[in-house]
Amino acid sequence: MFKKAIGIFASSILLAGCAGRVTTPSPPPPAVLSPAPELSSESLPPYRDESSSYDQSDLNFLDIPIPEKGEEEEKVEIEEDIKEEVPAKEEILSLIEEEKEEEVKLASLPPPDLRIDDILINSKKKLVVSITNVGETPLPVESGELNIFVDGALKGSYTLKSLLRQPFLSPHESQFLTTPLTLKGRHEIQVHVEFSSEVKELNKENNLLKKMLEGEPIGPDIIVKDFQLTEDLDLNLILSNIGESDLWRGATIRVRIHVNNRKISEFDHFVSETLKANLGNHYILHPPYRIGVGGISKVKVSIFPQLMSNDIQLENNTLKRTFIIFPFKIDPRGKEEFSFSFHRHPLRNDDFPEKMKVEARWEGMGFPLMLSFKRTGIQKGIPTLTGKSPLKVEFPIIADEIQNENVWNIFISNPMDRKVKGHLIIQHP
């Protein structure tokens, strides 16, 4: 009896709980029924027992809608992906710590240190300074300056940037700085590198070096500086001494002249006056017999000293020039045009840039003429020149034109009321 009472009491509690949770929904609107399609035995799904479940094809057959992911589920998945991509707080702190350690490591390295290793003269007779960064960090060269003293006097000052052509000198890197200075004779050379206050060096005592160097021997250095044409268009030579000592009077020089690749003269010349040292002197040499120049003439002149001590450098003893000579007759108030072209040749010496020379000569020196010029590749015109005979002008040959053909047009205008007769003489490398 007691057990039966307990069973009745438990059943009443269970029914009361179910009644509290069950709600009766409002009835849906009546659905419009359509006639069911006829099914054949072939269209029915295969028989499965109760323990098996339908696969996706079964659900599609029964036309049961499959619930899609809701917005909340997609939002949760996106947030989880972001959390996976964003590094954890511990990882960020670790990266910051590593950067700090790297900065401390760099700060603990000794600063850069420039050292001058040597001073020498290269095959082109130029002064060269060897330097090395013996420090453990790169050395910026932007504010560095190289000063060169010869026998205590400052002879050259150059920025390291212009000589090195790179922004930094890496740790333990060595470089050779080639300067424009040429040394002749025996001298004490002192080189010193200075930096601005922003560049800190480990040791500045090794930024200076002194050394005795033996440059080119001191003596005369004779060159064929230029050519000159007489009124009859005969060739004369202009010599000069660019050495450090005079060429004594009575020295003998052998002269060899080629015109259009033919040797037309070779003779010995006794110097009639002392050729003083330095470039400013001139010595006109007249060949023993006339050498006429006309039309287009390629002239080559070489000189050879009888004694080696009379000329310490033989490399600059030859000069080549091409002459173009146009005769002209211009009527009163008339104008005539002359055209020519040439290819620029390499410079014979860096210290002597090549030039093109134009000269107009005519009868009646008291009557002026006008010369105007036009050259291919030059947008801006060259100013017109006006003057009396002889009217001369020189144009430098630009180094960038080494592979280009230079085409020139020269115009001669006669503003006078009388006819003018003369020659236009062009000389170029």
Foldseek 3Di string as FASTA:
>chain_A
DVVVVVVVVVVVVVVVVVVVPDDDDDDDPDDDDDDDDDDDPVLDDDDDDPVDDDDPVVCVSVVPDDDDDDPVVVVVVVVVVVVVPDDDPVVVVVVVVVVVVVVVVVVPFAAWAKAWDDWDADPVQWIKTKIWTQGQAKFFQQFKKKWKDWQRHTDDIGGVCVQVVDGIHGHGHMDMGTDPDGDAAKTKMKMAMDGDPVGDHPDRPRRIDIDIDHTQYAAWAKAFDDWDADPQQWIKTKMATAGRAKQAFQWKKWKWKDKPNHTDDIDIDGHHHIHGYRGPDIDIGDPPDTDHDAAKIKMKMFMDTPDCRNHRDRLRRMDIKIKHKDKDKAAAQGKDKDKDKDADADDSDPVDFWKKKKWKAWPDQVFKKKKFKDKPPDPDGDDIDIHGPTDMDMGTDDPVRNPPMIMMMMMIGGNGNGMIITMMMMMGD
